Amino acid sequence: MEIFVIGDEETVLGFKLINIEGKRVRNQDEATKAFKIATSNPDIKLIIINEKIAETMKSEINQYTEKNLTPLIIEVPDKDGPAENRLSIEKLIKTTVGLKI
């Protein structure tokens, strides 16, 4: 399964350290282009996208996920932590999977 990351410099670099490729984006236009490239690649089964960047292109993500089951798209916090009213990664994993990290 191929994974692709769309995010700020720190997010993409962090995932690159564990050999996951991605695209650093600075604005909505760059994020939308990266999203279109990632969703058009049939080998990519999981897209990890920074929460703040996902907020800027929420309509594109929603339109895509309404019609497609794959790739799975998940939003992760950036280095500043989760967006307001969002669970941290640790709490999200514990709630979803039942594992404490």
PDB file of N, CA and C in Angstrom:
ATOM      1  N   MET A   1       0.838  -1.174   0.000  1.00  0.00           N
ATOM      2  CA  MET A   1       0.000   0.000   0.000  1.00  0.00           C
ATOM      3  C   MET A   1       0.886   1.241   0.000  1.00  0.00           C
ATOM      4  N   GLU A   2       0.621   2.123  -0.917  1.00  0.00           N
ATOM      5  CA  GLU A   2       1.377   3.358  -0.980  1.00  0.00           C
ATOM      6  C   GLU A   2       0.639   4.455  -0.223  1.00  0.00           C
ATOM      7  N   ILE A   3       1.413   5.230   0.514  1.00  0.00           N
ATOM      8  CA  ILE A   3       0.885   6.330   1.323  1.00  0.00           C
ATOM      9  C   ILE A   3       1.482   7.631   0.796  1.00  0.00           C
ATOM     10  N   PHE A   4       0.678   8.681   0.796  1.00  0.00           N
ATOM     11  CA  PHE A   4       1.130   9.985   0.327  1.00  0.00           C
ATOM     12  C   PHE A   4       0.696  11.036   1.334  1.00  0.00           C
ATOM     13  N   VAL A   5       1.588  11.980   1.622  1.00  0.00           N
ATOM     14  CA  VAL A   5       1.324  13.026   2.603  1.00  0.00           C
ATOM     15  C   VAL A   5       1.225  14.374   1.915  1.00  0.00           C
ATOM     16  N   ILE A   6       0.238  15.164   2.321  1.00  0.00           N
ATOM     17  CA  ILE A   6       0.104  16.543   1.866  1.00  0.00           C
ATOM     18  C   ILE A   6       0.107  17.408   3.112  1.00  0.00           C
ATOM     19  N   GLY A   7       1.078  18.318   3.193  1.00  0.00           N
ATOM     20  CA  GLY A   7       1.140  19.122   4.409  1.00  0.00           C
ATOM     21  C   GLY A   7       2.178  20.207   4.359  1.00  0.00           C
ATOM     22  N   ASP A   8       2.377  20.797   5.519  1.00  0.00           N
ATOM     23  CA  ASP A   8       3.410  21.816   5.647  1.00  0.00           C
ATOM     24  C   ASP A   8       4.778  21.136   5.635  1.00  0.00           C
ATOM     25  N   GLU A   9       5.822  21.946   5.647  1.00  0.00           N
ATOM     26  CA  GLU A   9       7.183  21.415   5.530  1.00  0.00           C
ATOM     27  C   GLU A   9       7.507  20.409   6.632  1.00  0.00           C
ATOM     28  N   GLU A  10       7.148  20.724   7.865  1.00  0.00           N
ATOM     29  CA  GLU A  10       7.477  19.849   8.991  1.00  0.00           C
ATOM     30  C   GLU A  10       6.739  18.512   8.901  1.00  0.00           C
ATOM     31  N   THR A  11       5.476  18.550   8.516  1.00  0.00           N
ATOM     32  CA  THR A  11       4.694  17.323   8.407  1.00  0.00           C
ATOM     33  C   THR A  11       5.265  16.405   7.327  1.00  0.00           C
ATOM     34  N   VAL A  12       5.523  16.976   6.151  1.00  0.00           N
ATOM     35  CA  VAL A  12       6.055  16.172   5.049  1.00  0.00           C
ATOM     36  C   VAL A  12       7.440  15.631   5.397  1.00  0.00           C
ATOM     37  N   LEU A  13       8.289  16.451   5.993  1.00  0.00           N
ATOM     38  CA  LEU A  13       9.624  16.006   6.384  1.00  0.00           C
ATOM     39  C   LEU A  13       9.556  14.891   7.418  1.00  0.00           C
ATOM     40  N   GLY A  14       8.664  15.022   8.395  1.00  0.00           N
ATOM     41  CA  GLY A  14       8.521  13.978   9.414  1.00  0.00           C
ATOM     42  C   GLY A  14       8.154  12.633   8.816  1.00  0.00           C
ATOM     43  N   PHE A  15       7.233  12.628   7.874  1.00  0.00           N
ATOM     44  CA  PHE A  15       6.850  11.372   7.237  1.00  0.00           C
ATOM     45  C   PHE A  15       7.927  10.863   6.295  1.00  0.00           C
ATOM     46  N   LYS A  16       8.679  11.765   5.688  1.00  0.00           N
ATOM     47  CA  LYS A  16       9.772  11.350   4.809  1.00  0.00           C
ATOM     48  C   LYS A  16      10.831  10.576   5.594  1.00  0.00           C
ATOM     49  N   LEU A  17      11.009  10.910   6.869  1.00  0.00           N
ATOM     50  CA  LEU A  17      11.972  10.202   7.712  1.00  0.00           C
ATOM     51  C   LEU A  17      11.627   8.721   7.864  1.00  0.00           C
ATOM     52  N   ILE A  18      10.353   8.382   7.686  1.00  0.00           N
ATOM     53  CA  ILE A  18       9.962   6.973   7.740  1.00  0.00           C
ATOM     54  C   ILE A  18       9.606   6.455   6.340  1.00  0.00           C
ATOM     55  N   ASN A  19      10.180   7.122   5.339  1.00  0.00           N
ATOM     56  CA  ASN A  19      10.108   6.680   3.941  1.00  0.00           C
ATOM     57  C   ASN A  19       8.713   6.782   3.315  1.00  0.00           C
ATOM     58  N   ILE A  20       7.960   7.792   3.734  1.00  0.00           N
ATOM     59  CA  ILE A  20       6.658   8.058   3.127  1.00  0.00           C
ATOM     60  C   ILE A  20       6.773   9.367   2.355  1.00  0.00           C
ATOM     61  N   GLU A  21       6.484   9.301   1.067  1.00  0.00           N
ATOM     62  CA  GLU A  21       6.613  10.470   0.199  1.00  0.00           C
ATOM     63  C   GLU A  21       5.435  11.417   0.379  1.00  0.00           C
ATOM     64  N   GLY A  22       5.667  12.670   0.029  1.00  0.00           N
ATOM     65  CA  GLY A  22       4.605  13.648   0.142  1.00  0.00           C
ATOM     66  C   GLY A  22       4.918  14.914  -0.627  1.00  0.00           C
ATOM     67  N   LYS A  23       4.021  15.858  -0.508  1.00  0.00           N
ATOM     68  CA  LYS A  23       4.157  17.139  -1.183  1.00  0.00           C
ATOM     69  C   LYS A  23       3.942  18.248  -0.168  1.00  0.00           C
ATOM     70  N   ARG A  24       4.952  19.113  -0.059  1.00  0.00           N
ATOM     71  CA  ARG A  24       4.839  20.287   0.810  1.00  0.00           C
ATOM     72  C   ARG A  24       4.038  21.337   0.067  1.00  0.00           C
ATOM     73  N   VAL A  25       3.018  21.874   0.738  1.00  0.00           N
ATOM     74  CA  VAL A  25       2.175  22.894   0.118  1.00  0.00           C
ATOM     75  C   VAL A  25       2.105  24.114   1.030  1.00  0.00           C
ATOM     76  N   ARG A  26       1.926  25.277   0.397  1.00  0.00           N
ATOM     77  CA  ARG A  26       1.876  26.523   1.170  1.00  0.00           C
ATOM     78  C   ARG A  26       0.536  27.230   1.100  1.00  0.00           C
ATOM     79  N   ASN A  27      -0.338  26.770   0.196  1.00  0.00           N
ATOM     80  CA  ASN A  27      -1.623  27.443   0.053  1.00  0.00           C
ATOM     81  C   ASN A  27      -2.648  26.469  -0.528  1.00  0.00           C
ATOM     82  N   GLN A  28      -3.883  26.952  -0.643  1.00  0.00           N
ATOM     83  CA  GLN A  28      -4.977  26.110  -1.120  1.00  0.00           C
ATOM     84  C   GLN A  28      -4.753  25.624  -2.545  1.00  0.00           C
ATOM     85  N   ASP A  29      -4.240  26.479  -3.403  1.00  0.00           N
ATOM     86  CA  ASP A  29      -4.017  26.094  -4.796  1.00  0.00           C
ATOM     87  C   ASP A  29      -3.018  24.933  -4.889  1.00  0.00           C
ATOM     88  N   GLU A  30      -1.904  25.044  -4.177  1.00  0.00           N
ATOM     89  CA  GLU A  30      -0.910  23.967  -4.175  1.00  0.00           C
ATOM     90  C   GLU A  30      -1.493  22.693  -3.566  1.00  0.00           C
ATOM     91  N   ALA A  31      -2.291  22.850  -2.514  1.00  0.00           N
ATOM     92  CA  ALA A  31      -2.898  21.688  -1.858  1.00  0.00           C
ATOM     93  C   ALA A  31      -3.869  20.977  -2.796  1.00  0.00           C
ATOM     94  N   THR A  32      -4.670  21.739  -3.517  1.00  0.00           N
ATOM     95  CA  THR A  32      -5.629  21.162  -4.454  1.00  0.00           C
ATOM     96  C   THR A  32      -4.914  20.416  -5.570  1.00  0.00           C
ATOM     97  N   LYS A  33      -3.838  20.991  -6.089  1.00  0.00           N
ATOM     98  CA  LYS A  33      -3.062  20.315  -7.143  1.00  0.00           C
ATOM     99  C   LYS A  33      -2.457  19.010  -6.624  1.00  0.00           C
ATOM    100  N   ALA A  34      -1.875  19.046  -5.426  1.00  0.00           N
ATOM    101  CA  ALA A  34      -1.282  17.845  -4.843  1.00  0.00           C
ATOM    102  C   ALA A  34      -2.347  16.779  -4.594  1.00  0.00           C
ATOM    103  N   PHE A  35      -3.519  17.193  -4.152  1.00  0.00           N
ATOM    104  CA  PHE A  35      -4.628  16.278  -3.898  1.00  0.00           C
ATOM    105  C   PHE A  35      -5.075  15.596  -5.190  1.00  0.00           C
ATOM    106  N   LYS A  36      -5.184  16.364  -6.273  1.00  0.00           N
ATOM    107  CA  LYS A  36      -5.590  15.801  -7.562  1.00  0.00           C
ATOM    108  C   LYS A  36      -4.562  14.798  -8.081  1.00  0.00           C
ATOM    109  N   ILE A  37      -3.288  15.122  -7.911  1.00  0.00           N
ATOM    110  CA  ILE A  37      -2.231  14.201  -8.333  1.00  0.00           C
ATOM    111  C   ILE A  37      -2.298  12.911  -7.520  1.00  0.00           C
ATOM    112  N   ALA A  38      -2.446  13.046  -6.204  1.00  0.00           N
ATOM    113  CA  ALA A  38      -2.483  11.865  -5.330  1.00  0.00           C
ATOM    114  C   ALA A  38      -3.702  10.993  -5.606  1.00  0.00           C
ATOM    115  N   THR A  39      -4.855  11.608  -5.800  1.00  0.00           N
ATOM    116  CA  THR A  39      -6.071  10.817  -6.024  1.00  0.00           C
ATOM    117  C   THR A  39      -6.122  10.202  -7.415  1.00  0.00           C
ATOM    118  N   SER A  40      -5.316  10.706  -8.328  1.00  0.00           N
ATOM    119  CA  SER A  40      -5.302  10.110  -9.672  1.00  0.00           C
ATOM    120  C   SER A  40      -4.310   8.955  -9.793  1.00  0.00           C
ATOM    121  N   ASN A  41      -3.504   8.741  -8.773  1.00  0.00           N
ATOM    122  CA  ASN A  41      -2.537   7.647  -8.779  1.00  0.00           C
ATOM    123  C   ASN A  41      -3.185   6.404  -8.155  1.00  0.00           C
ATOM    124  N   PRO A  42      -3.444   5.356  -8.942  1.00  0.00           N
ATOM    125  CA  PRO A  42      -4.130   4.174  -8.409  1.00  0.00           C
ATOM    126  C   PRO A  42      -3.318   3.397  -7.371  1.00  0.00           C
ATOM    127  N   ASP A  43      -2.024   3.630  -7.294  1.00  0.00           N
ATOM    128  CA  ASP A  43      -1.196   2.935  -6.307  1.00  0.00           C
ATOM    129  C   ASP A  43      -1.344   3.526  -4.906  1.00  0.00           C
ATOM    130  N   ILE A  44      -1.782   4.758  -4.811  1.00  0.00           N
ATOM    131  CA  ILE A  44      -1.928   5.420  -3.506  1.00  0.00           C
ATOM    132  C   ILE A  44      -3.245   4.996  -2.888  1.00  0.00           C
ATOM    133  N   LYS A  45      -3.150   4.383  -1.724  1.00  0.00           N
ATOM    134  CA  LYS A  45      -4.327   3.879  -1.020  1.00  0.00           C
ATOM    135  C   LYS A  45      -4.653   4.683   0.234  1.00  0.00           C
ATOM    136  N   LEU A  46      -3.711   5.530   0.674  1.00  0.00           N
ATOM    137  CA  LEU A  46      -3.922   6.336   1.875  1.00  0.00           C
ATOM    138  C   LEU A  46      -3.298   7.712   1.657  1.00  0.00           C
ATOM    139  N   ILE A  47      -4.087   8.758   1.869  1.00  0.00           N
ATOM    140  CA  ILE A  47      -3.580  10.131   1.815  1.00  0.00           C
ATOM    141  C   ILE A  47      -3.677  10.700   3.220  1.00  0.00           C
ATOM    142  N   ILE A  48      -2.556  11.159   3.721  1.00  0.00           N
ATOM    143  CA  ILE A  48      -2.497  11.825   5.019  1.00  0.00           C
ATOM    144  C   ILE A  48      -2.374  13.306   4.732  1.00  0.00           C
ATOM    145  N   ILE A  49      -3.298  14.095   5.271  1.00  0.00           N
ATOM    146  CA  ILE A  49      -3.289  15.519   4.992  1.00  0.00           C
ATOM    147  C   ILE A  49      -3.349  16.307   6.299  1.00  0.00           C
ATOM    148  N   ASN A  50      -2.551  17.323   6.363  1.00  0.00           N
ATOM    149  CA  ASN A  50      -2.493  18.209   7.516  1.00  0.00           C
ATOM    150  C   ASN A  50      -3.864  18.860   7.738  1.00  0.00           C
ATOM    151  N   GLU A  51      -4.345  18.897   8.982  1.00  0.00           N
ATOM    152  CA  GLU A  51      -5.675  19.440   9.293  1.00  0.00           C
ATOM    153  C   GLU A  51      -5.897  20.858   8.776  1.00  0.00           C
ATOM    154  N   LYS A  52      -4.929  21.714   9.010  1.00  0.00           N
ATOM    155  CA  LYS A  52      -5.098  23.117   8.610  1.00  0.00           C
ATOM    156  C   LYS A  52      -5.181  23.251   7.093  1.00  0.00           C
ATOM    157  N   ILE A  53      -4.424  22.460   6.396  1.00  0.00           N
ATOM    158  CA  ILE A  53      -4.480  22.486   4.929  1.00  0.00           C
ATOM    159  C   ILE A  53      -5.795  21.867   4.456  1.00  0.00           C
ATOM    160  N   ALA A  54      -6.236  20.807   5.097  1.00  0.00           N
ATOM    161  CA  ALA A  54      -7.505  20.176   4.728  1.00  0.00           C
ATOM    162  C   ALA A  54      -8.669  21.153   4.887  1.00  0.00           C
ATOM    163  N   GLU A  55      -8.604  21.994   5.896  1.00  0.00           N
ATOM    164  CA  GLU A  55      -9.668  22.987   6.096  1.00  0.00           C
ATOM    165  C   GLU A  55      -9.797  23.924   4.907  1.00  0.00           C
ATOM    166  N   THR A  56      -8.684  24.252   4.258  1.00  0.00           N
ATOM    167  CA  THR A  56      -8.727  25.188   3.130  1.00  0.00           C
ATOM    168  C   THR A  56      -9.332  24.571   1.883  1.00  0.00           C
ATOM    169  N   MET A  57      -9.428  23.243   1.857  1.00  0.00           N
ATOM    170  CA  MET A  57      -9.951  22.569   0.664  1.00  0.00           C
ATOM    171  C   MET A  57     -10.997  21.521   1.028  1.00  0.00           C
ATOM    172  N   LYS A  58     -11.755  21.816   2.068  1.00  0.00           N
ATOM    173  CA  LYS A  58     -12.751  20.877   2.583  1.00  0.00           C
ATOM    174  C   LYS A  58     -13.766  20.460   1.516  1.00  0.00           C
ATOM    175  N   SER A  59     -14.198  21.392   0.673  1.00  0.00           N
ATOM    176  CA  SER A  59     -15.209  21.038  -0.335  1.00  0.00           C
ATOM    177  C   SER A  59     -14.645  20.035  -1.350  1.00  0.00           C
ATOM    178  N   GLU A  60     -13.384  20.190  -1.757  1.00  0.00           N
ATOM    179  CA  GLU A  60     -12.775  19.249  -2.693  1.00  0.00           C
ATOM    180  C   GLU A  60     -12.673  17.851  -2.077  1.00  0.00           C
ATOM    181  N   ILE A  61     -12.266  17.811  -0.816  1.00  0.00           N
ATOM    182  CA  ILE A  61     -12.142  16.523  -0.122  1.00  0.00           C
ATOM    183  C   ILE A  61     -13.510  15.866   0.005  1.00  0.00           C
ATOM    184  N   ASN A  62     -14.509  16.629   0.421  1.00  0.00           N
ATOM    185  CA  ASN A  62     -15.854  16.074   0.583  1.00  0.00           C
ATOM    186  C   ASN A  62     -16.425  15.578  -0.740  1.00  0.00           C
ATOM    187  N   GLN A  63     -16.255  16.340  -1.800  1.00  0.00           N
ATOM    188  CA  GLN A  63     -16.745  15.917  -3.109  1.00  0.00           C
ATOM    189  C   GLN A  63     -16.088  14.609  -3.539  1.00  0.00           C
ATOM    190  N   TYR A  64     -14.793  14.504  -3.284  1.00  0.00           N
ATOM    191  CA  TYR A  64     -14.073  13.287  -3.676  1.00  0.00           C
ATOM    192  C   TYR A  64     -14.544  12.087  -2.855  1.00  0.00           C
ATOM    193  N   THR A  65     -14.631  12.246  -1.534  1.00  0.00           N
ATOM    194  CA  THR A  65     -14.966  11.111  -0.674  1.00  0.00           C
ATOM    195  C   THR A  65     -16.425  10.670  -0.812  1.00  0.00           C
ATOM    196  N   GLU A  66     -17.300  11.555  -1.287  1.00  0.00           N
ATOM    197  CA  GLU A  66     -18.685  11.159  -1.525  1.00  0.00           C
ATOM    198  C   GLU A  66     -18.792  10.137  -2.656  1.00  0.00           C
ATOM    199  N   LYS A  67     -17.855  10.176  -3.592  1.00  0.00           N
ATOM    200  CA  LYS A  67     -17.930   9.327  -4.778  1.00  0.00           C
ATOM    201  C   LYS A  67     -16.911   8.201  -4.782  1.00  0.00           C
ATOM    202  N   ASN A  68     -15.911   8.254  -3.908  1.00  0.00           N
ATOM    203  CA  ASN A  68     -14.810   7.285  -3.952  1.00  0.00           C
ATOM    204  C   ASN A  68     -14.517   6.723  -2.569  1.00  0.00           C
ATOM    205  N   LEU A  69     -14.260   5.424  -2.517  1.00  0.00           N
ATOM    206  CA  LEU A  69     -13.892   4.785  -1.259  1.00  0.00           C
ATOM    207  C   LEU A  69     -12.387   4.805  -1.023  1.00  0.00           C
ATOM    208  N   THR A  70     -11.626   4.822  -2.103  1.00  0.00           N
ATOM    209  CA  THR A  70     -10.171   4.863  -1.977  1.00  0.00           C
ATOM    210  C   THR A  70      -9.624   5.978  -2.843  1.00  0.00           C
ATOM    211  N   PRO A  71      -8.527   6.545  -2.472  1.00  0.00           N
ATOM    212  CA  PRO A  71      -7.757   6.263  -1.267  1.00  0.00           C
ATOM    213  C   PRO A  71      -8.453   6.787  -0.016  1.00  0.00           C
ATOM    214  N   LEU A  72      -8.136   6.171   1.088  1.00  0.00           N
ATOM    215  CA  LEU A  72      -8.607   6.635   2.377  1.00  0.00           C
ATOM    216  C   LEU A  72      -7.899   7.952   2.676  1.00  0.00           C
ATOM    217  N   ILE A  73      -8.625   8.922   3.177  1.00  0.00           N
ATOM    218  CA  ILE A  73      -8.049  10.233   3.469  1.00  0.00           C
ATOM    219  C   ILE A  73      -8.193  10.494   4.959  1.00  0.00           C
ATOM    220  N   ILE A  74      -7.057  10.735   5.611  1.00  0.00           N
ATOM    221  CA  ILE A  74      -7.108  11.064   7.029  1.00  0.00           C
ATOM    222  C   ILE A  74      -6.418  12.404   7.258  1.00  0.00           C
ATOM    223  N   GLU A  75      -6.920  13.127   8.230  1.00  0.00           N
ATOM    224  CA  GLU A  75      -6.358  14.420   8.590  1.00  0.00           C
ATOM    225  C   GLU A  75      -5.586  14.271   9.891  1.00  0.00           C
ATOM    226  N   VAL A  76      -4.398  14.861   9.925  1.00  0.00           N
ATOM    227  CA  VAL A  76      -3.558  14.799  11.120  1.00  0.00           C
ATOM    228  C   VAL A  76      -3.191  16.214  11.552  1.00  0.00           C
ATOM    229  N   PRO A  77      -2.959  16.402  12.850  1.00  0.00           N
ATOM    230  CA  PRO A  77      -2.535  17.722  13.325  1.00  0.00           C
ATOM    231  C   PRO A  77      -1.144  18.074  12.825  1.00  0.00           C
ATOM    232  N   ASP A  78      -0.838  19.360  12.801  1.00  0.00           N
ATOM    233  CA  ASP A  78       0.515  19.785  12.478  1.00  0.00           C
ATOM    234  C   ASP A  78       1.327  19.899  13.763  1.00  0.00           C
ATOM    235  N   LYS A  79       2.494  20.491  13.680  1.00  0.00           N
ATOM    236  CA  LYS A  79       3.394  20.582  14.834  1.00  0.00           C
ATOM    237  C   LYS A  79       2.800  21.376  15.995  1.00  0.00           C
ATOM    238  N   ASP A  80       1.798  22.212  15.710  1.00  0.00           N
ATOM    239  CA  ASP A  80       1.173  23.022  16.754  1.00  0.00           C
ATOM    240  C   ASP A  80       0.057  22.288  17.486  1.00  0.00           C
ATOM    241  N   GLY A  81      -0.214  21.056  17.088  1.00  0.00           N
ATOM    242  CA  GLY A  81      -1.239  20.267  17.754  1.00  0.00           C
ATOM    243  C   GLY A  81      -2.550  20.291  16.998  1.00  0.00           C
ATOM    244  N   PRO A  82      -3.558  19.628  17.560  1.00  0.00           N
ATOM    245  CA  PRO A  82      -4.830  19.510  16.852  1.00  0.00           C
ATOM    246  C   PRO A  82      -5.543  20.849  16.728  1.00  0.00           C
ATOM    247  N   ALA A  83      -6.320  20.972  15.667  1.00  0.00           N
ATOM    248  CA  ALA A  83      -7.145  22.158  15.485  1.00  0.00           C
ATOM    249  C   ALA A  83      -8.186  22.198  16.599  1.00  0.00           C
ATOM    250  N   GLU A  84      -8.778  23.352  16.796  1.00  0.00           N
ATOM    251  CA  GLU A  84      -9.770  23.520  17.840  1.00  0.00           C
ATOM    252  C   GLU A  84     -10.897  22.505  17.675  1.00  0.00           C
ATOM    253  N   ASN A  85     -11.329  21.927  18.793  1.00  0.00           N
ATOM    254  CA  ASN A  85     -12.413  20.933  18.818  1.00  0.00           C
ATOM    255  C   ASN A  85     -12.052  19.628  18.120  1.00  0.00           C
ATOM    256  N   ARG A  86     -10.766  19.317  17.999  1.00  0.00           N
ATOM    257  CA  ARG A  86     -10.312  18.055  17.398  1.00  0.00           C
ATOM    258  C   ARG A  86      -9.520  17.278  18.440  1.00  0.00           C
ATOM    259  N   LEU A  87      -9.564  15.963  18.331  1.00  0.00           N
ATOM    260  CA  LEU A  87      -8.793  15.112  19.231  1.00  0.00           C
ATOM    261  C   LEU A  87      -7.335  15.077  18.813  1.00  0.00           C
ATOM    262  N   SER A  88      -6.452  14.914  19.783  1.00  0.00           N
ATOM    263  CA  SER A  88      -5.045  14.706  19.457  1.00  0.00           C
ATOM    264  C   SER A  88      -4.889  13.331  18.828  1.00  0.00           C
ATOM    265  N   ILE A  89      -3.771  13.117  18.153  1.00  0.00           N
ATOM    266  CA  ILE A  89      -3.499  11.802  17.551  1.00  0.00           C
ATOM    267  C   ILE A  89      -3.572  10.710  18.620  1.00  0.00           C
ATOM    268  N   GLU A  90      -2.985  10.967  19.775  1.00  0.00           N
ATOM    269  CA  GLU A  90      -2.982   9.978  20.851  1.00  0.00           C
ATOM    270  C   GLU A  90      -4.407   9.616  21.271  1.00  0.00           C
ATOM    271  N   LYS A  91      -5.249  10.619  21.480  1.00  0.00           N
ATOM    272  CA  LYS A  91      -6.633  10.361  21.886  1.00  0.00           C
ATOM    273  C   LYS A  91      -7.433   9.732  20.754  1.00  0.00           C
ATOM    274  N   LEU A  92      -7.150  10.129  19.522  1.00  0.00           N
ATOM    275  CA  LEU A  92      -7.844   9.557  18.374  1.00  0.00           C
ATOM    276  C   LEU A  92      -7.548   8.064  18.243  1.00  0.00           C
ATOM    277  N   ILE A  93      -6.280   7.691  18.384  1.00  0.00           N
ATOM    278  CA  ILE A  93      -5.892   6.277  18.303  1.00  0.00           C
ATOM    279  C   ILE A  93      -6.515   5.496  19.456  1.00  0.00           C
ATOM    280  N   LYS A  94      -6.466   6.070  20.651  1.00  0.00           N
ATOM    281  CA  LYS A  94      -7.035   5.376  21.803  1.00  0.00           C
ATOM    282  C   LYS A  94      -8.533   5.184  21.636  1.00  0.00           C
ATOM    283  N   THR A  95      -9.229   6.198  21.149  1.00  0.00           N
ATOM    284  CA  THR A  95     -10.675   6.096  20.945  1.00  0.00           C
ATOM    285  C   THR A  95     -11.025   5.117  19.835  1.00  0.00           C
ATOM    286  N   THR A  96     -10.285   5.175  18.731  1.00  0.00           N
ATOM    287  CA  THR A  96     -10.591   4.357  17.570  1.00  0.00           C
ATOM    288  C   THR A  96     -10.159   2.907  17.729  1.00  0.00           C
ATOM    289  N   VAL A  97      -8.927   2.714  18.157  1.00  0.00           N
ATOM    290  CA  VAL A  97      -8.337   1.374  18.184  1.00  0.00           C
ATOM    291  C   VAL A  97      -8.307   0.776  19.579  1.00  0.00           C
ATOM    292  N   GLY A  98      -8.330   1.635  20.578  1.00  0.00           N
ATOM    293  CA  GLY A  98      -8.273   1.148  21.946  1.00  0.00           C
ATOM    294  C   GLY A  98      -6.866   0.983  22.476  1.00  0.00           C
ATOM    295  N   LEU A  99      -5.873   1.504  21.742  1.00  0.00           N
ATOM    296  CA  LEU A  99      -4.479   1.407  22.168  1.00  0.00           C
ATOM    297  C   LEU A  99      -4.011   2.708  22.764  1.00  0.00           C
ATOM    298  N   LYS A 100      -3.261   2.618  23.839  1.00  0.00           N
ATOM    299  CA  LYS A 100      -2.670   3.809  24.421  1.00  0.00           C
ATOM    300  C   LYS A 100      -1.228   3.883  23.959  1.00  0.00           C
ATOM    301  N   ILE A 101      -0.833   5.046  23.395  1.00  0.00           N
ATOM    302  CA  ILE A 101       0.549   5.181  22.937  1.00  0.00           C
ATOM    303  C   ILE A 101       1.297   6.168  23.801  1.00  0.00           C
TER     304      ILE A 101
END
